[in-house]
Amino acid sequence: MSNQPGSSTAAEPDQPDTTDPVDEVAPEAGTAHPAGAPGTPVLALLAVGWLAAMLWSTREAITSAAAGLTAISLSAFALPGVISAALVAGTAVALAASELAARRLGERTSVRFAAAIGAGMLVGLGTALAINLTYADNATTNTIAGTSAAAAIIGGAIAGARTAAPVGAVVTAALGTLLFVVAFSRARDPLFDLFGSDGSQASLVTAAKWVSRTESLLAGLLAGLLVFGYLTWARRRAVRRDPAAPALRWPVYLVAGAGPGLLLLLAEVIIRIGGGTLLDLAGALSEADAVAQTSLGTSRIDNGIWVLFVGALTALVLFGRTLGPARHDEDGEPEPATD
């Protein structure tokens, strides 16, 4: 029997089958989202606690000093610690808020950025109010309050990035670095002796240089380790939730490893712009104060650069060690290794 044009049994081999169920679900396969940032509420609490501790210690130092020149000098010395803490706290709280908004309202860049900016502004406002209400009401206090608020808002803008895991890694490493610097201060005196300080001016300068480099090197190594550990945690958590989640590639580890150093350098820029008048006023008190402020500023920049490069290199090397050897397909062609 020949096939008729209108027959239901006619076969048309050239006609594509439009009912393939694979085609219907294919668009769904590429909808995997990048790894989120785990533990953001804990990071936010730790960062806010560190900021509160820095504000309290600065207030105690200023109020215990004699009024006038000593208070100005102590405020200038304390300003970098407060600004760094405000920058990290603004970033951490904003990251937690953006992650919460993304879970509740959807993974949209505009929603994430708006939540991050709003949280950064709240941290900045709260920091400024705490300073104005608990510190003496003068121009120095207003400088610290305004610069701290600006740092927190800038941190909120940083946390608005769509890729949350690297930001979480940077916040974790930055907090670890700040805590390490405080803990390292207890080892300064033994290290001065180790590096040949005999009480003379020349030996003190040389020993101080090597102590500073040792601190920066160890801080950079710690930052790289924390970044790698956090990103590994975020990756495993993302895979448990969605096996199709895209892997984090080496540029992410490189940039995140450099992140703590970049935050330190950014804090220095904020200090120079927002607190420049206070630093200049403290430097004008005496020749010794001028030398001290210049030396401390140079040391902070050097420390940020060391942490940037050592942290980036450490995170990248650790990531490289997780890569397996190149695999070969049946034709003998090498396939790229996966992490």
Foldseek 3Di string as FASTA:
>chain_A
DDDDPPDPPDDDVVDDDPPPVCVVCVVVLPPFDAFAFPPLVVLLVLLVVQLVVLLVVLQVLLVVDDPDLSSLLSLLVSLLSNLLSLLLNLLSQLLVQLVVQCVVPHLDLVSSLVSLLVSLQVSLVVQLVVQCVRHDPDPSSNLSSVLSSVSSNVSSNVSSDSNNQLSSLLSQLLSVLSVLVVVCVVVLVVQLVVQPDPPDPVSNVRSVVVSLVVSLLVSLLSSLVSSLVSLVVSQVVSCVVPVSHDHDDLVSSLCSLLNSLVSLVVSLVSCCVSVVVSLVVSLVPDVVSVVVSVVVSVSSNVSSVSSRVSSSVSNNVVVVVPWDDWDADPVRDTDGTDD
